[in-house]
Amino acid sequence: MKTIHNKKGQFIKVIWNKADKKKHSERMSGKNNYFYGKHHTKADKKIMSKIKKILWKSIDRLNVICKHHLDLNKKNNKKYNILILTNSKHSKFHRQSYRFLVEYGLIKKYIKWFDKKYGLK
């Protein structure tokens, strides 16, 4: 496992090698998982909630790098189909795309397609 940080030393992402990924998967699956067959108590949920909040505050989510598939097919990883963006640029890309659809009167067609493919409920 390798962690990537930006020039300021802020966490960006984790890259797993196959061996670490397999170990983690074995460690967390079925009866090996600490929470296997257990129900979370209210105290457990509060602790996990606090941990998540601390983690989210410690990660600079705007500078996390993400991969955007132009044709919306996550399996198509060809170079011409991928944009590598920071989270903030990725969000901006989607906002601008939505504005484009509205401006050109394509929003209803897009929503209909989206509902058919992913469902709105």
PDB file of N, CA and C in Angstrom:
ATOM      1  N   MET A   1       0.849  -1.169   0.000  1.00  0.00           N
ATOM      2  CA  MET A   1       0.000   0.000   0.000  1.00  0.00           C
ATOM      3  C   MET A   1       0.897   1.235   0.000  1.00  0.00           C
ATOM      4  N   LYS A   2       0.508   2.215  -0.793  1.00  0.00           N
ATOM      5  CA  LYS A   2       1.299   3.426  -0.914  1.00  0.00           C
ATOM      6  C   LYS A   2       0.369   4.627  -0.813  1.00  0.00           C
ATOM      7  N   THR A   3       0.734   5.602   0.008  1.00  0.00           N
ATOM      8  CA  THR A   3      -0.084   6.807   0.094  1.00  0.00           C
ATOM      9  C   THR A   3       0.563   7.914  -0.718  1.00  0.00           C
ATOM     10  N   ILE A   4      -0.253   8.717  -1.345  1.00  0.00           N
ATOM     11  CA  ILE A   4       0.228   9.814  -2.176  1.00  0.00           C
ATOM     12  C   ILE A   4      -0.163  11.128  -1.493  1.00  0.00           C
ATOM     13  N   HIS A   5       0.791  12.036  -1.420  1.00  0.00           N
ATOM     14  CA  HIS A   5       0.558  13.353  -0.820  1.00  0.00           C
ATOM     15  C   HIS A   5       0.930  14.428  -1.833  1.00  0.00           C
ATOM     16  N   ASN A   6       0.299  15.607  -1.701  1.00  0.00           N
ATOM     17  CA  ASN A   6       0.661  16.706  -2.590  1.00  0.00           C
ATOM     18  C   ASN A   6       1.894  17.426  -2.047  1.00  0.00           C
ATOM     19  N   LYS A   7       2.300  18.525  -2.692  1.00  0.00           N
ATOM     20  CA  LYS A   7       3.513  19.244  -2.294  1.00  0.00           C
ATOM     21  C   LYS A   7       3.426  19.805  -0.877  1.00  0.00           C
ATOM     22  N   LYS A   8       2.197  20.081  -0.412  1.00  0.00           N
ATOM     23  CA  LYS A   8       2.007  20.612   0.941  1.00  0.00           C
ATOM     24  C   LYS A   8       2.000  19.500   1.995  1.00  0.00           C
ATOM     25  N   GLY A   9       2.115  18.271   1.537  1.00  0.00           N
ATOM     26  CA  GLY A   9       2.114  17.135   2.462  1.00  0.00           C
ATOM     27  C   GLY A   9       0.718  16.652   2.808  1.00  0.00           C
ATOM     28  N   GLN A  10      -0.295  17.145   2.086  1.00  0.00           N
ATOM     29  CA  GLN A  10      -1.669  16.729   2.349  1.00  0.00           C
ATOM     30  C   GLN A  10      -1.962  15.409   1.639  1.00  0.00           C
ATOM     31  N   PHE A  11      -2.715  14.552   2.315  1.00  0.00           N
ATOM     32  CA  PHE A  11      -3.076  13.250   1.779  1.00  0.00           C
ATOM     33  C   PHE A  11      -3.914  13.413   0.512  1.00  0.00           C
ATOM     34  N   ILE A  12      -3.598  12.648  -0.525  1.00  0.00           N
ATOM     35  CA  ILE A  12      -4.387  12.678  -1.755  1.00  0.00           C
ATOM     36  C   ILE A  12      -5.116  11.351  -1.953  1.00  0.00           C
ATOM     37  N   LYS A  13      -4.376  10.258  -2.003  1.00  0.00           N
ATOM     38  CA  LYS A  13      -5.032   8.963  -2.196  1.00  0.00           C
ATOM     39  C   LYS A  13      -4.128   7.818  -1.778  1.00  0.00           C
ATOM     40  N   VAL A  14      -4.720   6.629  -1.710  1.00  0.00           N
ATOM     41  CA  VAL A  14      -3.988   5.408  -1.365  1.00  0.00           C
ATOM     42  C   VAL A  14      -3.973   4.515  -2.594  1.00  0.00           C
ATOM     43  N   ILE A  15      -2.818   3.973  -2.907  1.00  0.00           N
ATOM     44  CA  ILE A  15      -2.701   3.017  -4.008  1.00  0.00           C
ATOM     45  C   ILE A  15      -2.369   1.662  -3.393  1.00  0.00           C
ATOM     46  N   TRP A  16      -3.201   0.686  -3.672  1.00  0.00           N
ATOM     47  CA  TRP A  16      -3.015  -0.659  -3.127  1.00  0.00           C
ATOM     48  C   TRP A  16      -2.295  -1.523  -4.147  1.00  0.00           C
ATOM     49  N   ASN A  17      -1.325  -2.313  -3.669  1.00  0.00           N
ATOM     50  CA  ASN A  17      -0.771  -3.324  -4.562  1.00  0.00           C
ATOM     51  C   ASN A  17      -1.615  -4.591  -4.381  1.00  0.00           C
ATOM     52  N   LYS A  18      -1.474  -5.541  -5.263  1.00  0.00           N
ATOM     53  CA  LYS A  18      -2.346  -6.725  -5.253  1.00  0.00           C
ATOM     54  C   LYS A  18      -2.248  -7.520  -3.951  1.00  0.00           C
ATOM     55  N   ALA A  19      -1.044  -7.658  -3.423  1.00  0.00           N
ATOM     56  CA  ALA A  19      -0.855  -8.457  -2.199  1.00  0.00           C
ATOM     57  C   ALA A  19      -1.558  -7.799  -1.011  1.00  0.00           C
ATOM     58  N   ASP A  20      -1.375  -6.477  -0.856  1.00  0.00           N
ATOM     59  CA  ASP A  20      -2.030  -5.762   0.257  1.00  0.00           C
ATOM     60  C   ASP A  20      -3.545  -5.783   0.112  1.00  0.00           C
ATOM     61  N   LYS A  21      -4.015  -5.632  -1.126  1.00  0.00           N
ATOM     62  CA  LYS A  21      -5.453  -5.649  -1.376  1.00  0.00           C
ATOM     63  C   LYS A  21      -6.047  -7.003  -0.977  1.00  0.00           C
ATOM     64  N   LYS A  22      -5.317  -8.081  -1.320  1.00  0.00           N
ATOM     65  CA  LYS A  22      -5.779  -9.435  -0.993  1.00  0.00           C
ATOM     66  C   LYS A  22      -5.789  -9.650   0.520  1.00  0.00           C
ATOM     67  N   LYS A  23      -4.700  -9.200   1.204  1.00  0.00           N
ATOM     68  CA  LYS A  23      -4.628  -9.328   2.675  1.00  0.00           C
ATOM     69  C   LYS A  23      -5.784  -8.600   3.332  1.00  0.00           C
ATOM     70  N   HIS A  24      -6.016  -7.362   2.889  1.00  0.00           N
ATOM     71  CA  HIS A  24      -7.087  -6.560   3.474  1.00  0.00           C
ATOM     72  C   HIS A  24      -8.439  -7.219   3.238  1.00  0.00           C
ATOM     73  N   SER A  25      -8.642  -7.727   2.041  1.00  0.00           N
ATOM     74  CA  SER A  25      -9.898  -8.385   1.708  1.00  0.00           C
ATOM     75  C   SER A  25     -10.123  -9.608   2.596  1.00  0.00           C
ATOM     76  N   GLU A  26      -9.078 -10.420   2.796  1.00  0.00           N
ATOM     77  CA  GLU A  26      -9.182 -11.607   3.649  1.00  0.00           C
ATOM     78  C   GLU A  26      -9.438 -11.216   5.106  1.00  0.00           C
ATOM     79  N   ARG A  27      -8.758 -10.164   5.542  1.00  0.00           N
ATOM     80  CA  ARG A  27      -8.890  -9.699   6.918  1.00  0.00           C
ATOM     81  C   ARG A  27     -10.292  -9.173   7.211  1.00  0.00           C
ATOM     82  N   MET A  28     -10.936  -8.581   6.203  1.00  0.00           N
ATOM     83  CA  MET A  28     -12.209  -7.924   6.427  1.00  0.00           C
ATOM     84  C   MET A  28     -13.418  -8.755   6.005  1.00  0.00           C
ATOM     85  N   SER A  29     -13.196  -9.938   5.431  1.00  0.00           N
ATOM     86  CA  SER A  29     -14.336 -10.706   4.945  1.00  0.00           C
ATOM     87  C   SER A  29     -14.836 -11.719   5.962  1.00  0.00           C
ATOM     88  N   GLY A  30     -16.128 -11.924   5.934  1.00  0.00           N
ATOM     89  CA  GLY A  30     -16.777 -12.960   6.733  1.00  0.00           C
ATOM     90  C   GLY A  30     -16.421 -12.961   8.204  1.00  0.00           C
ATOM     91  N   LYS A  31     -16.102 -14.141   8.722  1.00  0.00           N
ATOM     92  CA  LYS A  31     -15.857 -14.309  10.160  1.00  0.00           C
ATOM     93  C   LYS A  31     -14.578 -13.627  10.637  1.00  0.00           C
ATOM     94  N   ASN A  32     -13.700 -13.279   9.730  1.00  0.00           N
ATOM     95  CA  ASN A  32     -12.479 -12.559  10.119  1.00  0.00           C
ATOM     96  C   ASN A  32     -12.773 -11.111  10.513  1.00  0.00           C
ATOM     97  N   ASN A  33     -13.874 -10.581  10.002  1.00  0.00           N
ATOM     98  CA  ASN A  33     -14.233  -9.195  10.277  1.00  0.00           C
ATOM     99  C   ASN A  33     -14.712  -9.070  11.720  1.00  0.00           C
ATOM    100  N   TYR A  34     -14.195  -8.073  12.424  1.00  0.00           N
ATOM    101  CA  TYR A  34     -14.537  -7.862  13.834  1.00  0.00           C
ATOM    102  C   TYR A  34     -16.044  -7.724  14.025  1.00  0.00           C
ATOM    103  N   PHE A  35     -16.737  -7.112  13.081  1.00  0.00           N
ATOM    104  CA  PHE A  35     -18.169  -6.849  13.239  1.00  0.00           C
ATOM    105  C   PHE A  35     -19.059  -7.953  12.683  1.00  0.00           C
ATOM    106  N   TYR A  36     -18.466  -9.074  12.249  1.00  0.00           N
ATOM    107  CA  TYR A  36     -19.243 -10.168  11.678  1.00  0.00           C
ATOM    108  C   TYR A  36     -20.278 -10.672  12.696  1.00  0.00           C
ATOM    109  N   GLY A  37     -21.550 -10.641  12.301  1.00  0.00           N
ATOM    110  CA  GLY A  37     -22.627 -11.148  13.148  1.00  0.00           C
ATOM    111  C   GLY A  37     -22.965 -10.272  14.338  1.00  0.00           C
ATOM    112  N   LYS A  38     -22.349  -9.117  14.469  1.00  0.00           N
ATOM    113  CA  LYS A  38     -22.623  -8.229  15.599  1.00  0.00           C
ATOM    114  C   LYS A  38     -23.473  -7.056  15.128  1.00  0.00           C
ATOM    115  N   HIS A  39     -24.266  -6.553  16.052  1.00  0.00           N
ATOM    116  CA  HIS A  39     -25.036  -5.349  15.779  1.00  0.00           C
ATOM    117  C   HIS A  39     -24.366  -4.199  16.497  1.00  0.00           C
ATOM    118  N   HIS A  40     -24.322  -3.042  15.847  1.00  0.00           N
ATOM    119  CA  HIS A  40     -23.693  -1.882  16.466  1.00  0.00           C
ATOM    120  C   HIS A  40     -24.592  -1.317  17.561  1.00  0.00           C
ATOM    121  N   THR A  41     -23.974  -1.035  18.685  1.00  0.00           N
ATOM    122  CA  THR A  41     -24.717  -0.363  19.756  1.00  0.00           C
ATOM    123  C   THR A  41     -24.709   1.129  19.458  1.00  0.00           C
ATOM    124  N   LYS A  42     -25.522   1.878  20.206  1.00  0.00           N
ATOM    125  CA  LYS A  42     -25.534   3.333  20.022  1.00  0.00           C
ATOM    126  C   LYS A  42     -24.159   3.917  20.333  1.00  0.00           C
ATOM    127  N   ALA A  43     -23.482   3.357  21.328  1.00  0.00           N
ATOM    128  CA  ALA A  43     -22.147   3.848  21.700  1.00  0.00           C
ATOM    129  C   ALA A  43     -21.152   3.614  20.553  1.00  0.00           C
ATOM    130  N   ASP A  44     -21.223   2.407  19.928  1.00  0.00           N
ATOM    131  CA  ASP A  44     -20.352   2.109  18.786  1.00  0.00           C
ATOM    132  C   ASP A  44     -20.590   3.099  17.654  1.00  0.00           C
ATOM    133  N   LYS A  45     -21.872   3.349  17.374  1.00  0.00           N
ATOM    134  CA  LYS A  45     -22.220   4.260  16.284  1.00  0.00           C
ATOM    135  C   LYS A  45     -21.713   5.674  16.553  1.00  0.00           C
ATOM    136  N   LYS A  46     -21.788   6.125  17.814  1.00  0.00           N
ATOM    137  CA  LYS A  46     -21.297   7.464  18.162  1.00  0.00           C
ATOM    138  C   LYS A  46     -19.790   7.544  17.948  1.00  0.00           C
ATOM    139  N   ILE A  47     -19.084   6.513  18.396  1.00  0.00           N
ATOM    140  CA  ILE A  47     -17.622   6.494  18.249  1.00  0.00           C
ATOM    141  C   ILE A  47     -17.246   6.504  16.769  1.00  0.00           C
ATOM    142  N   MET A  48     -17.906   5.648  15.969  1.00  0.00           N
ATOM    143  CA  MET A  48     -17.596   5.592  14.538  1.00  0.00           C
ATOM    144  C   MET A  48     -17.920   6.916  13.857  1.00  0.00           C
ATOM    145  N   SER A  49     -18.991   7.542  14.280  1.00  0.00           N
ATOM    146  CA  SER A  49     -19.369   8.836  13.712  1.00  0.00           C
ATOM    147  C   SER A  49     -18.296   9.887  14.000  1.00  0.00           C
ATOM    148  N   LYS A  50     -17.783   9.894  15.234  1.00  0.00           N
ATOM    149  CA  LYS A  50     -16.719  10.840  15.597  1.00  0.00           C
ATOM    150  C   LYS A  50     -15.455  10.575  14.791  1.00  0.00           C
ATOM    151  N   ILE A  51     -15.117   9.301  14.621  1.00  0.00           N
ATOM    152  CA  ILE A  51     -13.926   8.938  13.851  1.00  0.00           C
ATOM    153  C   ILE A  51     -14.081   9.411  12.410  1.00  0.00           C
ATOM    154  N   LYS A  52     -15.255   9.183  11.812  1.00  0.00           N
ATOM    155  CA  LYS A  52     -15.490   9.611  10.431  1.00  0.00           C
ATOM    156  C   LYS A  52     -15.354  11.121  10.299  1.00  0.00           C
ATOM    157  N   LYS A  53     -15.906  11.859  11.264  1.00  0.00           N
ATOM    158  CA  LYS A  53     -15.817  13.322  11.215  1.00  0.00           C
ATOM    159  C   LYS A  53     -14.367  13.781  11.273  1.00  0.00           C
ATOM    160  N   ILE A  54     -13.578  13.155  12.137  1.00  0.00           N
ATOM    161  CA  ILE A  54     -12.157  13.509  12.260  1.00  0.00           C
ATOM    162  C   ILE A  54     -11.439  13.212  10.946  1.00  0.00           C
ATOM    163  N   LEU A  55     -11.713  12.031  10.362  1.00  0.00           N
ATOM    164  CA  LEU A  55     -11.072  11.665   9.099  1.00  0.00           C
ATOM    165  C   LEU A  55     -11.440  12.623   7.980  1.00  0.00           C
ATOM    166  N   TRP A  56     -12.735  12.979   7.889  1.00  0.00           N
ATOM    167  CA  TRP A  56     -13.171  13.877   6.828  1.00  0.00           C
ATOM    168  C   TRP A  56     -12.564  15.263   6.984  1.00  0.00           C
ATOM    169  N   LYS A  57     -12.380  15.704   8.238  1.00  0.00           N
ATOM    170  CA  LYS A  57     -11.775  17.014   8.453  1.00  0.00           C
ATOM    171  C   LYS A  57     -10.288  16.998   8.097  1.00  0.00           C
ATOM    172  N   SER A  58      -9.648  15.839   8.295  1.00  0.00           N
ATOM    173  CA  SER A  58      -8.205  15.762   8.075  1.00  0.00           C
ATOM    174  C   SER A  58      -7.838  15.626   6.593  1.00  0.00           C
ATOM    175  N   ILE A  59      -8.806  15.244   5.768  1.00  0.00           N
ATOM    176  CA  ILE A  59      -8.528  15.072   4.343  1.00  0.00           C
ATOM    177  C   ILE A  59      -8.960  16.329   3.608  1.00  0.00           C
ATOM    178  N   ASP A  60      -8.073  16.861   2.828  1.00  0.00           N
ATOM    179  CA  ASP A  60      -8.400  18.013   1.999  1.00  0.00           C
ATOM    180  C   ASP A  60      -9.100  17.478   0.750  1.00  0.00           C
ATOM    181  N   ARG A  61     -10.421  17.318   0.848  1.00  0.00           N
ATOM    182  CA  ARG A  61     -11.182  16.661  -0.210  1.00  0.00           C
ATOM    183  C   ARG A  61     -11.156  17.409  -1.538  1.00  0.00           C
ATOM    184  N   LEU A  62     -10.925  18.710  -1.514  1.00  0.00           N
ATOM    185  CA  LEU A  62     -10.933  19.465  -2.764  1.00  0.00           C
ATOM    186  C   LEU A  62      -9.736  19.131  -3.639  1.00  0.00           C
ATOM    187  N   ASN A  63      -8.642  18.677  -3.017  1.00  0.00           N
ATOM    188  CA  ASN A  63      -7.439  18.370  -3.785  1.00  0.00           C
ATOM    189  C   ASN A  63      -7.248  16.880  -4.044  1.00  0.00           C
ATOM    190  N   VAL A  64      -8.227  16.065  -3.671  1.00  0.00           N
ATOM    191  CA  VAL A  64      -8.167  14.640  -3.973  1.00  0.00           C
ATOM    192  C   VAL A  64      -8.332  14.490  -5.481  1.00  0.00           C
ATOM    193  N   ILE A  65      -7.543  13.637  -6.065  1.00  0.00           N
ATOM    194  CA  ILE A  65      -7.595  13.458  -7.513  1.00  0.00           C
ATOM    195  C   ILE A  65      -8.603  12.367  -7.857  1.00  0.00           C
ATOM    196  N   CYS A  66      -9.427  12.642  -8.867  1.00  0.00           N
ATOM    197  CA  CYS A  66     -10.392  11.627  -9.291  1.00  0.00           C
ATOM    198  C   CYS A  66     -10.367  11.482 -10.804  1.00  0.00           C
ATOM    199  N   LYS A  67     -10.921  10.374 -11.243  1.00  0.00           N
ATOM    200  CA  LYS A  67     -10.922  10.022 -12.652  1.00  0.00           C
ATOM    201  C   LYS A  67     -12.359  10.156 -13.158  1.00  0.00           C
ATOM    202  N   HIS A  68     -12.556  10.949 -14.218  1.00  0.00           N
ATOM    203  CA  HIS A  68     -13.880  11.130 -14.799  1.00  0.00           C
ATOM    204  C   HIS A  68     -13.925  10.455 -16.157  1.00  0.00           C
ATOM    205  N   HIS A  69     -14.889   9.549 -16.327  1.00  0.00           N
ATOM    206  CA  HIS A  69     -15.062   8.858 -17.607  1.00  0.00           C
ATOM    207  C   HIS A  69     -16.020   9.681 -18.468  1.00  0.00           C
ATOM    208  N   LEU A  70     -15.543  10.155 -19.599  1.00  0.00           N
ATOM    209  CA  LEU A  70     -16.338  11.035 -20.450  1.00  0.00           C
ATOM    210  C   LEU A  70     -17.602  10.364 -20.980  1.00  0.00           C
ATOM    211  N   ASP A  71     -17.525   9.070 -21.295  1.00  0.00           N
ATOM    212  CA  ASP A  71     -18.714   8.385 -21.810  1.00  0.00           C
ATOM    213  C   ASP A  71     -19.534   7.721 -20.697  1.00  0.00           C
ATOM    214  N   LEU A  72     -19.194   8.004 -19.447  1.00  0.00           N
ATOM    215  CA  LEU A  72     -19.870   7.488 -18.244  1.00  0.00           C
ATOM    216  C   LEU A  72     -19.764   5.978 -18.089  1.00  0.00           C
ATOM    217  N   ASN A  73     -18.895   5.342 -18.856  1.00  0.00           N
ATOM    218  CA  ASN A  73     -18.673   3.906 -18.753  1.00  0.00           C
ATOM    219  C   ASN A  73     -17.394   3.677 -17.956  1.00  0.00           C
ATOM    220  N   LYS A  74     -17.540   3.241 -16.693  1.00  0.00           N
ATOM    221  CA  LYS A  74     -16.389   3.072 -15.807  1.00  0.00           C
ATOM    222  C   LYS A  74     -15.431   1.977 -16.279  1.00  0.00           C
ATOM    223  N   LYS A  75     -15.887   1.118 -17.159  1.00  0.00           N
ATOM    224  CA  LYS A  75     -15.025   0.046 -17.656  1.00  0.00           C
ATOM    225  C   LYS A  75     -14.176   0.497 -18.843  1.00  0.00           C
ATOM    226  N   ASN A  76     -14.534   1.633 -19.452  1.00  0.00           N
ATOM    227  CA  ASN A  76     -13.781   2.139 -20.603  1.00  0.00           C
ATOM    228  C   ASN A  76     -12.657   3.042 -20.091  1.00  0.00           C
ATOM    229  N   ASN A  77     -11.477   2.465 -19.887  1.00  0.00           N
ATOM    230  CA  ASN A  77     -10.342   3.205 -19.339  1.00  0.00           C
ATOM    231  C   ASN A  77      -9.331   3.625 -20.406  1.00  0.00           C
ATOM    232  N   LYS A  78      -9.800   3.819 -21.615  1.00  0.00           N
ATOM    233  CA  LYS A  78      -8.904   4.287 -22.682  1.00  0.00           C
ATOM    234  C   LYS A  78      -8.581   5.762 -22.439  1.00  0.00           C
ATOM    235  N   LYS A  79      -7.372   6.162 -22.825  1.00  0.00           N
ATOM    236  CA  LYS A  79      -6.893   7.526 -22.549  1.00  0.00           C
ATOM    237  C   LYS A  79      -7.836   8.605 -23.041  1.00  0.00           C
ATOM    238  N   TYR A  80      -8.410   8.420 -24.221  1.00  0.00           N
ATOM    239  CA  TYR A  80      -9.284   9.454 -24.776  1.00  0.00           C
ATOM    240  C   TYR A  80     -10.590   9.608 -23.999  1.00  0.00           C
ATOM    241  N   ASN A  81     -10.908   8.651 -23.137  1.00  0.00           N
ATOM    242  CA  ASN A  81     -12.170   8.677 -22.400  1.00  0.00           C
ATOM    243  C   ASN A  81     -12.024   9.175 -20.963  1.00  0.00           C
ATOM    244  N   ILE A  82     -10.818   9.500 -20.532  1.00  0.00           N
ATOM    245  CA  ILE A  82     -10.594   9.817 -19.114  1.00  0.00           C
ATOM    246  C   ILE A  82     -10.068  11.234 -18.925  1.00  0.00           C
ATOM    247  N   LEU A  83     -10.639  11.922 -17.954  1.00  0.00           N
ATOM    248  CA  LEU A  83     -10.113  13.204 -17.493  1.00  0.00           C
ATOM    249  C   LEU A  83      -9.646  13.001 -16.063  1.00  0.00           C
ATOM    250  N   ILE A  84      -8.430  13.404 -15.746  1.00  0.00           N
ATOM    251  CA  ILE A  84      -7.927  13.343 -14.379  1.00  0.00           C
ATOM    252  C   ILE A  84      -8.098  14.748 -13.802  1.00  0.00           C
ATOM    253  N   LEU A  85      -8.901  14.843 -12.745  1.00  0.00           N
ATOM    254  CA  LEU A  85      -9.246  16.141 -12.165  1.00  0.00           C
ATOM    255  C   LEU A  85      -9.149  16.103 -10.654  1.00  0.00           C
ATOM    256  N   THR A  86      -8.965  17.273 -10.046  1.00  0.00           N
ATOM    257  CA  THR A  86      -9.111  17.351  -8.590  1.00  0.00           C
ATOM    258  C   THR A  86     -10.610  17.325  -8.308  1.00  0.00           C
ATOM    259  N   ASN A  87     -10.978  17.031  -7.074  1.00  0.00           N
ATOM    260  CA  ASN A  87     -12.393  16.971  -6.720  1.00  0.00           C
ATOM    261  C   ASN A  87     -13.100  18.286  -7.025  1.00  0.00           C
ATOM    262  N   SER A  88     -12.444  19.413  -6.711  1.00  0.00           N
ATOM    263  CA  SER A  88     -13.093  20.704  -6.939  1.00  0.00           C
ATOM    264  C   SER A  88     -13.321  20.941  -8.436  1.00  0.00           C
ATOM    265  N   LYS A  89     -12.340  20.590  -9.275  1.00  0.00           N
ATOM    266  CA  LYS A  89     -12.496  20.750 -10.728  1.00  0.00           C
ATOM    267  C   LYS A  89     -13.556  19.789 -11.264  1.00  0.00           C
ATOM    268  N   HIS A  90     -13.632  18.580 -10.685  1.00  0.00           N
ATOM    269  CA  HIS A  90     -14.617  17.599 -11.108  1.00  0.00           C
ATOM    270  C   HIS A  90     -16.028  18.122 -10.829  1.00  0.00           C
ATOM    271  N   SER A  91     -16.234  18.684  -9.644  1.00  0.00           N
ATOM    272  CA  SER A  91     -17.540  19.266  -9.302  1.00  0.00           C
ATOM    273  C   SER A  91     -17.876  20.419 -10.247  1.00  0.00           C
ATOM    274  N   LYS A  92     -16.889  21.263 -10.510  1.00  0.00           N
ATOM    275  CA  LYS A  92     -17.092  22.394 -11.411  1.00  0.00           C
ATOM    276  C   LYS A  92     -17.456  21.900 -12.817  1.00  0.00           C
ATOM    277  N   PHE A  93     -16.793  20.840 -13.265  1.00  0.00           N
ATOM    278  CA  PHE A  93     -17.075  20.249 -14.568  1.00  0.00           C
ATOM    279  C   PHE A  93     -18.542  19.836 -14.666  1.00  0.00           C
ATOM    280  N   HIS A  94     -19.043  19.168 -13.607  1.00  0.00           N
ATOM    281  CA  HIS A  94     -20.446  18.726 -13.609  1.00  0.00           C
ATOM    282  C   HIS A  94     -21.407  19.918 -13.577  1.00  0.00           C
ATOM    283  N   ARG A  95     -21.088  20.945 -12.796  1.00  0.00           N
ATOM    284  CA  ARG A  95     -21.950  22.138 -12.754  1.00  0.00           C
ATOM    285  C   ARG A  95     -22.030  22.792 -14.127  1.00  0.00           C
ATOM    286  N   GLN A  96     -20.889  22.936 -14.781  1.00  0.00           N
ATOM    287  CA  GLN A  96     -20.847  23.568 -16.103  1.00  0.00           C
ATOM    288  C   GLN A  96     -21.590  22.703 -17.131  1.00  0.00           C
ATOM    289  N   SER A  97     -21.438  21.390 -17.030  1.00  0.00           N
ATOM    290  CA  SER A  97     -22.134  20.479 -17.949  1.00  0.00           C
ATOM    291  C   SER A  97     -23.640  20.618 -17.785  1.00  0.00           C
ATOM    292  N   TYR A  98     -24.079  20.717 -16.537  1.00  0.00           N
ATOM    293  CA  TYR A  98     -25.509  20.872 -16.254  1.00  0.00           C
ATOM    294  C   TYR A  98     -26.016  22.197 -16.835  1.00  0.00           C
ATOM    295  N   ARG A  99     -25.240  23.271 -16.650  1.00  0.00           N
ATOM    296  CA  ARG A  99     -25.624  24.581 -17.208  1.00  0.00           C
ATOM    297  C   ARG A  99     -25.741  24.506 -18.732  1.00  0.00           C
ATOM    298  N   PHE A 100     -24.809  23.787 -19.355  1.00  0.00           N
ATOM    299  CA  PHE A 100     -24.838  23.610 -20.801  1.00  0.00           C
ATOM    300  C   PHE A 100     -26.139  22.924 -21.225  1.00  0.00           C
ATOM    301  N   LEU A 101     -26.505  21.851 -20.517  1.00  0.00           N
ATOM    302  CA  LEU A 101     -27.733  21.125 -20.844  1.00  0.00           C
ATOM    303  C   LEU A 101     -28.961  22.022 -20.716  1.00  0.00           C
ATOM    304  N   VAL A 102     -28.993  22.834 -19.665  1.00  0.00           N
ATOM    305  CA  VAL A 102     -30.115  23.759 -19.451  1.00  0.00           C
ATOM    306  C   VAL A 102     -30.141  24.793 -20.578  1.00  0.00           C
ATOM    307  N   GLU A 103     -28.985  25.387 -20.870  1.00  0.00           N
ATOM    308  CA  GLU A 103     -28.892  26.446 -21.865  1.00  0.00           C
ATOM    309  C   GLU A 103     -29.342  25.987 -23.252  1.00  0.00           C
ATOM    310  N   TYR A 104     -29.023  24.740 -23.609  1.00  0.00           N
ATOM    311  CA  TYR A 104     -29.371  24.232 -24.925  1.00  0.00           C
ATOM    312  C   TYR A 104     -30.670  23.422 -24.941  1.00  0.00           C
ATOM    313  N   GLY A 105     -31.418  23.485 -23.849  1.00  0.00           N
ATOM    314  CA  GLY A 105     -32.721  22.822 -23.793  1.00  0.00           C
ATOM    315  C   GLY A 105     -32.662  21.314 -23.822  1.00  0.00           C
ATOM    316  N   LEU A 106     -31.570  20.742 -23.336  1.00  0.00           N
ATOM    317  CA  LEU A 106     -31.403  19.284 -23.359  1.00  0.00           C
ATOM    318  C   LEU A 106     -31.624  18.631 -22.001  1.00  0.00           C
ATOM    319  N   ILE A 107     -31.968  19.434 -20.998  1.00  0.00           N
ATOM    320  CA  ILE A 107     -32.037  18.919 -19.632  1.00  0.00           C
ATOM    321  C   ILE A 107     -33.119  17.846 -19.470  1.00  0.00           C
ATOM    322  N   LYS A 108     -34.288  18.027 -20.079  1.00  0.00           N
ATOM    323  CA  LYS A 108     -35.366  17.029 -19.949  1.00  0.00           C
ATOM    324  C   LYS A 108     -34.945  15.692 -20.554  1.00  0.00           C
ATOM    325  N   LYS A 109     -34.298  15.778 -21.708  1.00  0.00           N
ATOM    326  CA  LYS A 109     -33.818  14.562 -22.370  1.00  0.00           C
ATOM    327  C   LYS A 109     -32.773  13.862 -21.498  1.00  0.00           C
ATOM    328  N   TYR A 110     -31.885  14.640 -20.893  1.00  0.00           N
ATOM    329  CA  TYR A 110     -30.848  14.078 -20.017  1.00  0.00           C
ATOM    330  C   TYR A 110     -31.471  13.420 -18.785  1.00  0.00           C
ATOM    331  N   ILE A 111     -32.422  14.095 -18.161  1.00  0.00           N
ATOM    332  CA  ILE A 111     -33.067  13.543 -16.953  1.00  0.00           C
ATOM    333  C   ILE A 111     -33.797  12.253 -17.296  1.00  0.00           C
ATOM    334  N   LYS A 112     -34.453  12.218 -18.439  1.00  0.00           N
ATOM    335  CA  LYS A 112     -35.157  11.011 -18.876  1.00  0.00           C
ATOM    336  C   LYS A 112     -34.159   9.862 -19.057  1.00  0.00           C
ATOM    337  N   TRP A 113     -33.023  10.158 -19.720  1.00  0.00           N
ATOM    338  CA  TRP A 113     -31.973   9.147 -19.917  1.00  0.00           C
ATOM    339  C   TRP A 113     -31.405   8.679 -18.572  1.00  0.00           C
ATOM    340  N   PHE A 114     -31.121   9.638 -17.680  1.00  0.00           N
ATOM    341  CA  PHE A 114     -30.548   9.319 -16.379  1.00  0.00           C
ATOM    342  C   PHE A 114     -31.491   8.429 -15.581  1.00  0.00           C
ATOM    343  N   ASP A 115     -32.781   8.766 -15.589  1.00  0.00           N
ATOM    344  CA  ASP A 115     -33.787   7.978 -14.863  1.00  0.00           C
ATOM    345  C   ASP A 115     -33.856   6.559 -15.413  1.00  0.00           C
ATOM    346  N   LYS A 116     -33.799   6.438 -16.732  1.00  0.00           N
ATOM    347  CA  LYS A 116     -33.858   5.110 -17.353  1.00  0.00           C
ATOM    348  C   LYS A 116     -32.629   4.275 -16.994  1.00  0.00           C
ATOM    349  N   LYS A 117     -31.456   4.925 -16.994  1.00  0.00           N
ATOM    350  CA  LYS A 117     -30.202   4.194 -16.744  1.00  0.00           C
ATOM    351  C   LYS A 117     -29.969   3.925 -15.260  1.00  0.00           C
ATOM    352  N   TYR A 118     -30.176   4.933 -14.389  1.00  0.00           N
ATOM    353  CA  TYR A 118     -29.815   4.816 -12.971  1.00  0.00           C
ATOM    354  C   TYR A 118     -31.010   4.839 -12.027  1.00  0.00           C
ATOM    355  N   GLY A 119     -32.120   5.382 -12.476  1.00  0.00           N
ATOM    356  CA  GLY A 119     -33.286   5.527 -11.599  1.00  0.00           C
ATOM    357  C   GLY A 119     -33.151   6.731 -10.711  1.00  0.00           C
ATOM    358  N   LEU A 120     -34.212   7.463 -10.537  1.00  0.00           N
ATOM    359  CA  LEU A 120     -34.156   8.676  -9.711  1.00  0.00           C
ATOM    360  C   LEU A 120     -34.578   8.406  -8.277  1.00  0.00           C
ATOM    361  N   LYS A 121     -35.138   7.253  -7.998  1.00  0.00           N
ATOM    362  CA  LYS A 121     -35.594   6.963  -6.633  1.00  0.00           C
ATOM    363  C   LYS A 121     -34.609   6.132  -5.882  1.00  0.00           C
TER     364      LYS A 121
END
